[in-house]
Amino acid sequence: MKFTKLFAVMAAGLLASSLAAAQTVMKISISTAQNSHQGVAIDTFAQEVAKRTNGRYKIETFYNGSLGGERESIESVQLGTQALAFSSTGPVPNFVPETKILDVPFLFRDKAHARAVLDGPIGQDLLKKFEAKGFKALGWAENGFRHMTNSKRAVNAPEDLKGLKMRTMENPVHIAAYKGFGIVTTPMAFPEVFTALQQGTVDGQENPLSVIIAAKFDQVQKHLSLTGHVYSPCIWVMNKGMFDKLSAEDQKHFLEAAKEATKANRARVDQDDAKGVADLRAKGMNVVENVDKAKFVKALATVNADFEKQFGKANIEKIRNYK
């Protein structure tokens, strides 16, 4: 009887070790906190992959830029030193230039419009452009509409932005647009932003409410203006070689997991947008809710003319008028 029990224990141990050996561990990272719309995204993705592959794949999640900023994480995925990354599109045009068009200011009417474009043929065609650059783009998700914060003054109109030193994403379209507002642009990786604001290296930054809340920018910024000047998608990227090595069934599991995680991510953005203003006001921020967007659009007339030349007016209009 003792031998039977011993044999059972040994067999269970061997089974456990063989299962552990059969498990493939992959890393995914974000630049924001775990308790954020991006944290919800990668946590859900990890759960879904484990569930759908019966634990054969384990996704290890990293937060707060612990594996580097967004640009570094995307580079690591391209090189194959990291399997996956979840990033805003900030640095993405440096890898896939065709995605620049999504960063044109005031391109999208609202979140429903942006989501429809990204989930529809336009967005799906853009995802295919990643493959030649060494990525498998698993899908689009959401960062949200970007708003301006600063420590100097309330921003009611574009002229209030003149001379403000603002951190921008490492994104050529954003930089060109913000210079059009008269902003002194300072491109910077996200993990460095809080300290730069705290030390006064920059006066302000711009991000969706979800990011402003998660990063606790209310501690280092006095003024928030709901400019909604750019819609910022997020994207799921995986090293293409690693994706190609998955079985057809597992490829489907990873794509479905990204889809489920995107739903959770967008729901959290909606939640943050709904309560964000009251939350930040309660923390002492001065919030300007009703900015004259027409004035901001007009201030970018010259820059927009350049964007039309760069991307083609018809391509921009195709996105603007998408139903």
Foldseek 3Di string as FASTA:
>chain_A
DVVVVVVVVVVVVVVVVVLVVQAAEAEEEAQFALPFLVVLLVVLLQVLLCVLVVRSYGYHYYYNQPVHFPVVRVVCQQVVVGFKYKYWCLVVCVQQVLCLLQFAWPLEPAPVLVVCCLVDPNVVVSQVSCVVSQKRWLGKAFFFQKWKFFAPDEDQFLQVQAPFAEEEANHPNVVLLSVLSNYNYDHDGPSCPLVCLQVVVGGIYMGQLRRCVRVVCLVRTAEIERLSTHTIMMIMIGRPVVLVPDDPSSNVSSSVSSVVSRVSSVVRSVVCVVCRVVVSVVSRHDYHYDHDNVNSVVSCVVVVVVVCVVNPVVVSVCSSPPD
